Amino acid sequence: MDTYAAAVKAPEADRAALLGLAGRQRDLAVAGWSVGATQLDQLNVDIGRGHQHVFLPSAPGQEAMTSDDSKEGE
């Protein structure tokens, strides 16, 4: 978010590069979230609490991204 905020305030000549950097940082954060959510789900299954969804909204106003249609605890 800090990189994006800096991009918005940056001179026109620097804006595109900073927006590209902010986008790459966002993509890395989403990938990190996905790995962590998958590990958390596996831990829940391993200790007998079943499948748990850890949601990350894909965009404002949209439903959360999920990898499957399983219900919680299954």
Protein backbone atom coordinates (compact mmCIF):
# COMPACT_ATOMS: atom_id res chain seq x y z
CA MET A 1 0.00 0.00 0.00
CA ASP A 2 2.86 2.37 0.74
CA THR A 3 4.32 1.77 -2.71
CA TYR A 4 0.96 2.39 -4.35
CA ALA A 5 0.46 5.57 -2.32
CA ALA A 6 3.92 6.75 -3.38
CA ALA A 7 3.08 5.98 -7.01
CA VAL A 8 -0.08 8.08 -6.88
CA LYS A 9 1.91 11.04 -5.54
CA ALA A 10 4.96 10.51 -7.76
CA PRO A 11 5.82 12.65 -10.76
CA GLU A 12 4.30 11.38 -14.02
CA ALA A 13 7.70 10.11 -15.24
CA ASP A 14 8.07 7.77 -12.23
CA ARG A 15 4.44 6.69 -11.81
CA ALA A 16 4.35 3.72 -14.21
CA ALA A 17 7.43 2.08 -12.70
CA LEU A 18 6.08 2.48 -9.16
CA LEU A 19 2.66 1.14 -10.13
CA GLY A 20 4.35 -1.89 -11.70
CA LEU A 21 6.32 -2.46 -8.49
CA ALA A 22 3.16 -2.12 -6.39
CA GLY A 23 1.44 -4.72 -8.59
CA ARG A 24 4.30 -7.18 -8.23
CA GLN A 25 4.30 -6.69 -4.45
CA ARG A 26 0.53 -7.36 -4.42
CA ASP A 27 1.00 -10.56 -6.41
CA LEU A 28 3.70 -11.78 -3.99
CA ALA A 29 1.47 -10.99 -1.01
CA VAL A 30 -1.42 -12.98 -2.51
CA ALA A 31 0.89 -15.92 -3.24
CA GLY A 32 2.18 -15.80 0.35
CA TRP A 33 -1.38 -15.68 1.68
CA SER A 34 -2.30 -18.70 -0.44
CA VAL A 35 0.58 -20.79 0.90
CA GLY A 36 -0.22 -19.82 4.49
CA ALA A 37 -3.93 -20.52 4.07
CA THR A 38 -3.20 -23.94 2.59
CA GLN A 39 -0.89 -24.80 5.49
CA LEU A 40 -3.48 -23.62 8.03
CA ASP A 41 -6.11 -25.76 6.33
CA GLN A 42 -3.85 -28.82 6.45
CA LEU A 43 -3.12 -28.26 10.15
CA ASN A 44 -6.87 -28.14 10.85
CA VAL A 45 -7.39 -31.41 8.97
CA ASP A 46 -4.42 -33.03 10.77
CA ILE A 47 -5.77 -32.19 14.24
CA GLY A 48 -9.27 -33.42 13.40
CA ARG A 49 -11.09 -30.12 12.91
CA GLY A 50 -11.67 -30.74 9.24
CA HIS A 51 -11.38 -28.46 6.25
CA GLN A 52 -11.35 -24.72 7.03
CA HIS A 53 -11.57 -21.93 4.48
CA VAL A 54 -9.38 -18.88 4.96
CA PHE A 55 -10.84 -16.27 2.64
CA LEU A 56 -9.06 -13.55 0.71
CA PRO A 57 -11.44 -11.25 -1.18
CA SER A 58 -10.48 -11.22 -4.85
CA ALA A 59 -11.79 -7.69 -5.49
CA PRO A 60 -14.17 -5.24 -3.81
CA GLY A 61 -17.75 -6.40 -4.19
CA GLN A 62 -16.82 -9.92 -5.27
CA GLU A 63 -17.03 -13.17 -3.39
CA ALA A 64 -13.91 -14.54 -1.75
CA MET A 65 -11.56 -16.81 -3.67
CA THR A 66 -11.83 -20.45 -2.67
CA SER A 67 -10.09 -23.50 -4.04
CA ASP A 68 -13.04 -25.86 -3.72
CA ASP A 69 -16.70 -26.22 -2.82
CA SER A 70 -16.18 -28.15 0.44
CA LYS A 71 -18.09 -26.98 3.49
CA GLU A 72 -16.30 -25.96 6.68
CA GLY A 73 -15.21 -28.90 8.83
CA GLU A 74 -15.47 -31.53 6.09
